[in-house]
Amino acid sequence: MKKTIKVVAAIIENNENEILCALRSPDMSLPNFWEFPGGKVEEGESVLEAIEREIQEELDCKVKAVEVFDENTHEYEKVIVNLIAIKCKLVVGTPTASEHSKLIYLKKENLSSLIWAPADMPIVKNLMK
């Protein structure tokens, strides 16, 4: 039986109403796919606490989790991912790519121009509505 992991993803908008997109590095699983930055929820952690911690660790900046935006479950070859997208407000610093190959901001209507990780696709579609 495949393991299900709970993962949080940050929807971070800048002042121009553009969304932060992160390119997975060649060293990560699903290399060279775009995603919303985030990571696994740790034992005993709320999803809001998890996204704030993950963004601090991954992007070296601080966000405030505002609200859950969307949630879906995607079955990959080896694991099932329960992905929870959370709208976040950047409060301190500038997102910096340390684990990812690249970070870019895109207008919502241009999000479909990237090749997204399968679990992130439903969130992209909802953002574009």
C-alpha atoms as a PDB file:
ATOM      1  CA  MET A   1       0.000   0.000   0.000  1.00  0.00           C
ATOM      2  CA  LYS A   2       1.291   3.452  -0.901  1.00  0.00           C
ATOM      3  CA  LYS A   3       2.031   5.921   1.841  1.00  0.00           C
ATOM      4  CA  THR A   4      -0.014   9.139   1.879  1.00  0.00           C
ATOM      5  CA  ILE A   5       1.907  12.278   2.780  1.00  0.00           C
ATOM      6  CA  LYS A   6       0.384  15.611   3.720  1.00  0.00           C
ATOM      7  CA  VAL A   7       2.120  18.476   1.907  1.00  0.00           C
ATOM      8  CA  VAL A   8       1.543  22.227   2.105  1.00  0.00           C
ATOM      9  CA  ALA A   9       2.095  24.657  -0.771  1.00  0.00           C
ATOM     10  CA  ALA A  10       2.308  28.448  -0.496  1.00  0.00           C
ATOM     11  CA  ILE A  11       0.370  30.784  -2.755  1.00  0.00           C
ATOM     12  CA  ILE A  12       2.417  33.978  -2.379  1.00  0.00           C
ATOM     13  CA  GLU A  13       1.301  37.058  -4.322  1.00  0.00           C
ATOM     14  CA  ASN A  14       3.457  40.133  -4.841  1.00  0.00           C
ATOM     15  CA  ASN A  15       2.190  43.729  -5.098  1.00  0.00           C
ATOM     16  CA  GLU A  16       1.597  43.314  -8.859  1.00  0.00           C
ATOM     17  CA  ASN A  17      -0.848  40.415  -8.215  1.00  0.00           C
ATOM     18  CA  GLU A  18       1.685  37.905  -9.519  1.00  0.00           C
ATOM     19  CA  ILE A  19       2.092  34.446  -7.956  1.00  0.00           C
ATOM     20  CA  LEU A  20       5.424  32.961  -6.857  1.00  0.00           C
ATOM     21  CA  CYS A  21       6.332  29.813  -8.835  1.00  0.00           C
ATOM     22  CA  ALA A  22       9.269  27.525  -8.015  1.00  0.00           C
ATOM     23  CA  LEU A  23      11.157  25.259 -10.428  1.00  0.00           C
ATOM     24  CA  ARG A  24      12.135  21.913  -8.878  1.00  0.00           C
ATOM     25  CA  SER A  25      15.869  21.282  -9.147  1.00  0.00           C
ATOM     26  CA  PRO A  26      17.366  18.277 -11.018  1.00  0.00           C
ATOM     27  CA  ASP A  27      18.195  16.734  -7.583  1.00  0.00           C
ATOM     28  CA  MET A  28      14.560  16.689  -6.420  1.00  0.00           C
ATOM     29  CA  SER A  29      11.883  14.136  -7.232  1.00  0.00           C
ATOM     30  CA  LEU A  30       9.872  15.408 -10.231  1.00  0.00           C
ATOM     31  CA  PRO A  31      12.889  17.401 -11.483  1.00  0.00           C
ATOM     32  CA  ASN A  32      12.271  20.460 -13.666  1.00  0.00           C
ATOM     33  CA  PHE A  33       8.555  20.659 -12.895  1.00  0.00           C
ATOM     34  CA  TRP A  34       7.111  23.881 -11.507  1.00  0.00           C
ATOM     35  CA  GLU A  35       5.361  23.925  -8.140  1.00  0.00           C
ATOM     36  CA  PHE A  36       4.155  26.188  -5.394  1.00  0.00           C
ATOM     37  CA  PRO A  37       6.888  26.127  -2.729  1.00  0.00           C
ATOM     38  CA  GLY A  38       6.279  24.236   0.504  1.00  0.00           C
ATOM     39  CA  GLY A  39       6.812  20.783   1.929  1.00  0.00           C
ATOM     40  CA  LYS A  40       5.731  18.004   4.273  1.00  0.00           C
ATOM     41  CA  VAL A  41       3.643  18.656   7.363  1.00  0.00           C
ATOM     42  CA  GLU A  42       5.528  17.400  10.451  1.00  0.00           C
ATOM     43  CA  GLU A  43       3.949  15.365  13.265  1.00  0.00           C
ATOM     44  CA  GLY A  44       1.874  17.566  15.596  1.00  0.00           C
ATOM     45  CA  GLU A  45       2.051  20.601  13.302  1.00  0.00           C
ATOM     46  CA  SER A  46      -0.949  22.458  11.859  1.00  0.00           C
ATOM     47  CA  VAL A  47      -0.943  23.126   8.106  1.00  0.00           C
ATOM     48  CA  LEU A  48      -0.579  26.863   8.809  1.00  0.00           C
ATOM     49  CA  GLU A  49       2.449  26.291  11.065  1.00  0.00           C
ATOM     50  CA  ALA A  50       3.920  23.897   8.482  1.00  0.00           C
ATOM     51  CA  ILE A  51       3.766  26.378   5.585  1.00  0.00           C
ATOM     52  CA  GLU A  52       5.343  29.162   7.640  1.00  0.00           C
ATOM     53  CA  ARG A  53       8.194  26.824   8.720  1.00  0.00           C
ATOM     54  CA  GLU A  54       8.723  25.357   5.241  1.00  0.00           C
ATOM     55  CA  ILE A  55       8.942  28.770   3.540  1.00  0.00           C
ATOM     56  CA  GLN A  56      11.414  29.972   6.189  1.00  0.00           C
ATOM     57  CA  GLU A  57      13.566  26.864   5.560  1.00  0.00           C
ATOM     58  CA  GLU A  58      13.226  26.706   1.755  1.00  0.00           C
ATOM     59  CA  LEU A  59      13.095  30.349   0.685  1.00  0.00           C
ATOM     60  CA  ASP A  60      14.823  32.129   3.607  1.00  0.00           C
ATOM     61  CA  CYS A  61      11.954  34.583   4.161  1.00  0.00           C
ATOM     62  CA  LYS A  62       8.969  34.837   6.481  1.00  0.00           C
ATOM     63  CA  VAL A  63       5.336  34.471   5.465  1.00  0.00           C
ATOM     64  CA  LYS A  64       2.095  34.674   7.420  1.00  0.00           C
ATOM     65  CA  ALA A  65      -0.381  31.938   6.518  1.00  0.00           C
ATOM     66  CA  VAL A  66      -3.717  33.613   5.726  1.00  0.00           C
ATOM     67  CA  GLU A  67      -6.144  30.855   4.681  1.00  0.00           C
ATOM     68  CA  VAL A  68      -6.428  27.459   3.026  1.00  0.00           C
ATOM     69  CA  PHE A  69      -7.140  28.108  -0.662  1.00  0.00           C
ATOM     70  CA  ASP A  70      -7.461  24.621  -2.146  1.00  0.00           C
ATOM     71  CA  GLU A  71      -6.759  20.955  -1.465  1.00  0.00           C
ATOM     72  CA  ASN A  72      -6.418  17.869  -3.622  1.00  0.00           C
ATOM     73  CA  THR A  73      -4.939  14.397  -3.564  1.00  0.00           C
ATOM     74  CA  HIS A  74      -2.724  13.047  -6.330  1.00  0.00           C
ATOM     75  CA  GLU A  75      -1.414   9.514  -6.679  1.00  0.00           C
ATOM     76  CA  TYR A  76       2.162   9.342  -7.953  1.00  0.00           C
ATOM     77  CA  GLU A  77       4.030   6.132  -8.802  1.00  0.00           C
ATOM     78  CA  LYS A  78       5.431   5.619  -5.281  1.00  0.00           C
ATOM     79  CA  VAL A  79       3.398   7.884  -3.003  1.00  0.00           C
ATOM     80  CA  ILE A  80       0.025   9.597  -2.597  1.00  0.00           C
ATOM     81  CA  VAL A  81       0.263  13.343  -1.967  1.00  0.00           C
ATOM     82  CA  ASN A  82      -2.477  15.241  -0.144  1.00  0.00           C
ATOM     83  CA  LEU A  83      -1.596  18.794  -1.247  1.00  0.00           C
ATOM     84  CA  ILE A  84      -3.004  21.745   0.695  1.00  0.00           C
ATOM     85  CA  ALA A  85      -2.508  25.154  -0.920  1.00  0.00           C
ATOM     86  CA  ILE A  86      -2.414  28.051   1.527  1.00  0.00           C
ATOM     87  CA  LYS A  87      -2.585  31.738   0.683  1.00  0.00           C
ATOM     88  CA  CYS A  88       0.342  33.448   2.392  1.00  0.00           C
ATOM     89  CA  LYS A  89       1.469  37.022   2.854  1.00  0.00           C
ATOM     90  CA  LEU A  90       5.177  37.801   2.608  1.00  0.00           C
ATOM     91  CA  VAL A  91       6.118  39.637   5.820  1.00  0.00           C
ATOM     92  CA  VAL A  92       9.935  39.685   5.990  1.00  0.00           C
ATOM     93  CA  GLY A  93      12.631  39.237   3.346  1.00  0.00           C
ATOM     94  CA  THR A  94      12.678  38.223  -0.298  1.00  0.00           C
ATOM     95  CA  PRO A  95      12.166  34.605  -1.406  1.00  0.00           C
ATOM     96  CA  THR A  96      15.535  33.082  -2.339  1.00  0.00           C
ATOM     97  CA  ALA A  97      15.986  29.824  -4.251  1.00  0.00           C
ATOM     98  CA  SER A  98      18.206  27.496  -2.234  1.00  0.00           C
ATOM     99  CA  GLU A  99      16.569  24.121  -2.957  1.00  0.00           C
ATOM    100  CA  HIS A 100      14.856  25.143  -6.207  1.00  0.00           C
ATOM    101  CA  SER A 101      16.550  25.922  -9.542  1.00  0.00           C
ATOM    102  CA  LYS A 102      14.580  29.115 -10.065  1.00  0.00           C
ATOM    103  CA  LEU A 103      11.833  31.327  -8.620  1.00  0.00           C
ATOM    104  CA  ILE A 104       9.635  33.572 -10.747  1.00  0.00           C
ATOM    105  CA  TYR A 105       6.488  35.633 -10.303  1.00  0.00           C
ATOM    106  CA  LEU A 106       3.756  35.209 -12.932  1.00  0.00           C
ATOM    107  CA  LYS A 107       0.344  36.737 -13.523  1.00  0.00           C
ATOM    108  CA  LYS A 108      -2.479  34.265 -12.822  1.00  0.00           C
ATOM    109  CA  GLU A 109      -3.512  34.166 -16.480  1.00  0.00           C
ATOM    110  CA  ASN A 110       0.043  33.080 -17.466  1.00  0.00           C
ATOM    111  CA  LEU A 111       0.408  30.220 -14.970  1.00  0.00           C
ATOM    112  CA  SER A 112      -0.571  27.623 -17.582  1.00  0.00           C
ATOM    113  CA  SER A 113       2.534  28.520 -19.627  1.00  0.00           C
ATOM    114  CA  LEU A 114       4.664  26.459 -17.190  1.00  0.00           C
ATOM    115  CA  ILE A 115       4.924  22.665 -16.881  1.00  0.00           C
ATOM    116  CA  TRP A 116       3.531  22.006 -13.402  1.00  0.00           C
ATOM    117  CA  ALA A 117       3.909  19.007 -11.108  1.00  0.00           C
ATOM    118  CA  PRO A 118       0.695  16.958 -11.465  1.00  0.00           C
ATOM    119  CA  ALA A 119      -0.468  17.571  -7.869  1.00  0.00           C
ATOM    120  CA  ASP A 120      -0.168  21.360  -8.391  1.00  0.00           C
ATOM    121  CA  MET A 121      -2.270  21.415 -11.607  1.00  0.00           C
ATOM    122  CA  PRO A 122      -5.737  21.598  -9.949  1.00  0.00           C
ATOM    123  CA  ILE A 123      -4.515  24.540  -7.841  1.00  0.00           C
ATOM    124  CA  VAL A 124      -3.209  26.305 -10.967  1.00  0.00           C
ATOM    125  CA  LYS A 125      -6.616  25.820 -12.620  1.00  0.00           C
ATOM    126  CA  ASN A 126      -8.442  27.237  -9.583  1.00  0.00           C
ATOM    127  CA  LEU A 127      -6.130  30.244  -9.397  1.00  0.00           C
ATOM    128  CA  MET A 128      -6.773  31.003 -13.066  1.00  0.00           C
ATOM    129  CA  LYS A 129     -10.579  31.025 -12.657  1.00  0.00           C
END
